[in-house]
Amino acid sequence: MKYLKKILFLCFIIFLGVFSGIYIYRQYEKENTLEVFNEEYTVYLLQYGVYSKKDSMIEAGNNISDYFYYEDSDGYHLIIGITENKENTNKIRDSFNITENIYTKEVKIKNNEFMESLRQYDNLVSNSNNNQEIVAAEKYILSKYEELILNNE
């Protein structure tokens, strides 16, 4: 009898635990929990114009060492740099030796892996005065953006 009470009590505790777990799981299932873990970050794209024709965009990009482009409803956007730190935009622009036709475009990013890489390379850009280092950092981060953001849309 003594053991039977202990076994019944243990079964009751197990049942209570399973019931509580199922209840909590269903509550989280109702909520959109992805929003909690996908924080949005603001980054700045340095855009070297918007072109209505792809050939025009490619011709404009001939004097730039590295860039990527994407097509949107208003044309082809040629991107030469990305930064989270707005103060870096002038430094990146100067490293390409281009003074005109560059616009800063603010976009929202939800990719944590990309943001980690961007912060490391932003730190490098912030601490560097060497144009070649800055261009190399931007080349890498542009390829990461293309890989992790554009290819996953």
Protein backbone atom coordinates (compact mmCIF):
# COMPACT_ATOMS: atom_id res chain seq x y z
CA MET A 1 0.00 0.00 0.00
CA LYS A 2 2.86 2.32 0.85
CA TYR A 3 4.46 1.73 -2.56
CA LEU A 4 1.14 2.06 -4.35
CA LYS A 5 0.66 5.60 -2.98
CA LYS A 6 4.17 6.56 -4.11
CA ILE A 7 3.61 5.10 -7.60
CA LEU A 8 0.24 6.87 -7.93
CA PHE A 9 1.78 10.16 -6.78
CA LEU A 10 4.67 9.74 -9.27
CA CYS A 11 2.20 9.00 -12.10
CA PHE A 12 0.19 12.10 -11.15
CA ILE A 13 3.35 14.27 -11.23
CA ILE A 14 4.34 12.85 -14.64
CA PHE A 15 0.82 13.43 -16.00
CA LEU A 16 0.85 16.99 -14.67
CA GLY A 17 4.26 17.66 -16.29
CA VAL A 18 3.18 16.27 -19.67
CA PHE A 19 -0.09 18.22 -19.57
CA SER A 20 1.72 21.46 -18.68
CA GLY A 21 4.26 20.91 -21.45
CA ILE A 22 1.56 20.35 -24.07
CA TYR A 23 -0.32 23.46 -22.89
CA ILE A 24 2.79 25.68 -23.10
CA TYR A 25 3.78 24.26 -26.49
CA ARG A 26 0.34 25.05 -27.92
CA GLN A 27 0.53 28.61 -26.60
CA TYR A 28 3.86 29.19 -28.42
CA GLU A 29 2.50 27.48 -31.51
CA LYS A 30 -0.25 30.11 -31.72
CA GLU A 31 2.22 32.99 -31.55
CA ASN A 32 4.57 33.92 -34.39
CA THR A 33 7.78 33.21 -32.49
CA LEU A 34 10.03 33.88 -35.52
CA GLU A 35 9.48 37.61 -35.05
CA VAL A 36 11.06 37.42 -31.61
CA PHE A 37 14.27 35.92 -32.93
CA ASN A 38 14.53 37.81 -36.25
CA GLU A 39 15.54 41.28 -35.19
CA GLU A 40 15.69 43.86 -37.95
CA TYR A 41 18.87 45.86 -38.48
CA THR A 42 19.37 49.02 -40.53
CA VAL A 43 22.21 49.00 -43.06
CA TYR A 44 23.24 51.52 -45.69
CA LEU A 45 23.85 50.56 -49.31
CA LEU A 46 26.07 52.84 -51.37
CA GLN A 47 24.30 52.90 -54.69
CA TYR A 48 26.05 54.05 -57.84
CA GLY A 49 22.93 54.95 -59.74
CA VAL A 50 19.80 53.27 -61.01
CA TYR A 51 19.73 52.24 -64.66
CA SER A 52 16.79 51.39 -66.87
CA LYS A 53 18.86 49.03 -69.04
CA LYS A 54 21.24 46.32 -67.90
CA ASP A 55 23.80 47.29 -70.56
CA SER A 56 23.90 50.88 -69.24
CA MET A 57 24.44 49.60 -65.71
CA ILE A 58 27.26 47.28 -66.80
CA GLU A 59 28.92 50.11 -68.72
CA ALA A 60 28.72 52.40 -65.67
CA GLY A 61 30.21 49.63 -63.51
CA ASN A 62 33.24 49.14 -65.78
CA ASN A 63 35.28 51.71 -63.86
CA ILE A 64 34.47 50.11 -60.49
CA SER A 65 36.49 47.15 -59.27
CA ASP A 66 33.72 45.31 -57.42
CA TYR A 67 29.98 45.72 -57.19
CA PHE A 68 26.75 43.80 -57.36
CA TYR A 69 23.42 44.77 -58.77
CA TYR A 70 19.83 43.84 -58.33
CA GLU A 71 16.79 44.44 -60.45
CA ASP A 72 13.84 46.23 -58.94
CA SER A 73 10.65 47.68 -60.40
CA ASP A 74 12.40 50.98 -61.13
CA GLY A 75 15.50 49.50 -62.80
CA TYR A 76 18.94 48.06 -62.10
CA HIS A 77 20.58 49.21 -58.88
CA LEU A 78 24.38 49.11 -58.86
CA ILE A 79 25.70 48.71 -55.28
CA ILE A 80 29.37 49.41 -54.46
CA GLY A 81 29.36 49.27 -50.66
CA ILE A 82 27.44 48.27 -47.54
CA THR A 83 27.84 49.52 -43.99
CA GLU A 84 25.92 49.59 -40.74
CA ASN A 85 27.89 52.63 -39.57
CA LYS A 86 26.64 55.71 -41.42
CA GLU A 87 29.96 57.51 -40.77
CA ASN A 88 31.69 54.87 -42.93
CA THR A 89 29.70 55.82 -46.04
CA ASN A 90 31.97 58.77 -46.89
CA LYS A 91 35.09 56.70 -46.26
CA ILE A 92 33.86 53.94 -48.58
CA ARG A 93 32.82 56.46 -51.22
CA ASP A 94 36.26 58.13 -51.10
CA SER A 95 38.07 54.79 -51.36
CA PHE A 96 36.45 54.19 -54.75
CA ASN A 97 37.51 57.67 -55.94
CA ILE A 98 33.99 58.42 -57.12
CA THR A 99 32.49 61.75 -56.13
CA GLU A 100 29.24 61.88 -58.08
CA ASN A 101 26.17 59.77 -58.64
CA ILE A 102 26.50 57.85 -55.33
CA TYR A 103 23.47 57.67 -53.09
CA THR A 104 23.01 56.15 -49.67
CA LYS A 105 20.03 53.83 -49.49
CA GLU A 106 18.75 52.60 -46.12
CA VAL A 107 17.50 49.00 -46.02
CA LYS A 108 16.38 46.60 -43.27
CA ILE A 109 18.16 43.26 -42.78
CA LYS A 110 17.04 40.28 -40.66
CA ASN A 111 20.03 37.99 -41.23
CA ASN A 112 22.17 37.65 -38.08
CA GLU A 113 24.99 35.80 -39.85
CA PHE A 114 25.37 38.61 -42.37
CA MET A 115 25.25 41.24 -39.62
CA GLU A 116 28.11 39.56 -37.73
CA SER A 117 30.30 39.69 -40.84
CA LEU A 118 29.26 43.26 -41.63
CA ARG A 119 30.17 44.45 -38.13
CA GLN A 120 33.63 42.89 -38.36
CA TYR A 121 34.32 44.50 -41.73
CA ASP A 122 32.79 47.82 -40.63
CA ASN A 123 35.28 47.80 -37.78
CA LEU A 124 38.09 47.24 -40.27
CA VAL A 125 36.83 50.10 -42.47
CA SER A 126 36.50 52.40 -39.45
CA ASN A 127 40.08 51.76 -38.37
CA SER A 128 41.69 51.86 -41.83
CA ASN A 129 42.89 54.76 -43.95
CA ASN A 130 44.14 52.50 -46.74
CA ASN A 131 41.82 52.65 -49.76
CA GLN A 132 42.87 49.18 -50.94
CA GLU A 133 41.96 47.63 -47.58
CA ILE A 134 38.59 49.37 -47.60
CA VAL A 135 37.83 48.25 -51.17
CA ALA A 136 38.88 44.67 -50.28
CA ALA A 137 36.62 44.72 -47.20
CA GLU A 138 33.71 45.97 -49.29
CA LYS A 139 34.38 43.33 -51.94
CA TYR A 140 34.05 40.62 -49.30
CA ILE A 141 30.93 42.08 -47.67
CA LEU A 142 29.26 42.57 -51.06
CA SER A 143 29.78 38.90 -51.84
CA LYS A 144 28.35 37.96 -48.40
CA TYR A 145 25.33 40.18 -49.03
CA GLU A 146 24.74 38.55 -52.37
CA GLU A 147 25.14 35.07 -50.86
CA LEU A 148 23.14 35.46 -47.65
CA ILE A 149 20.56 38.12 -48.50
CA LEU A 150 19.86 38.28 -52.23
CA ASN A 151 20.08 34.55 -52.89
CA ASN A 152 17.76 33.78 -49.94
CA GLU A 153 14.91 36.13 -50.86
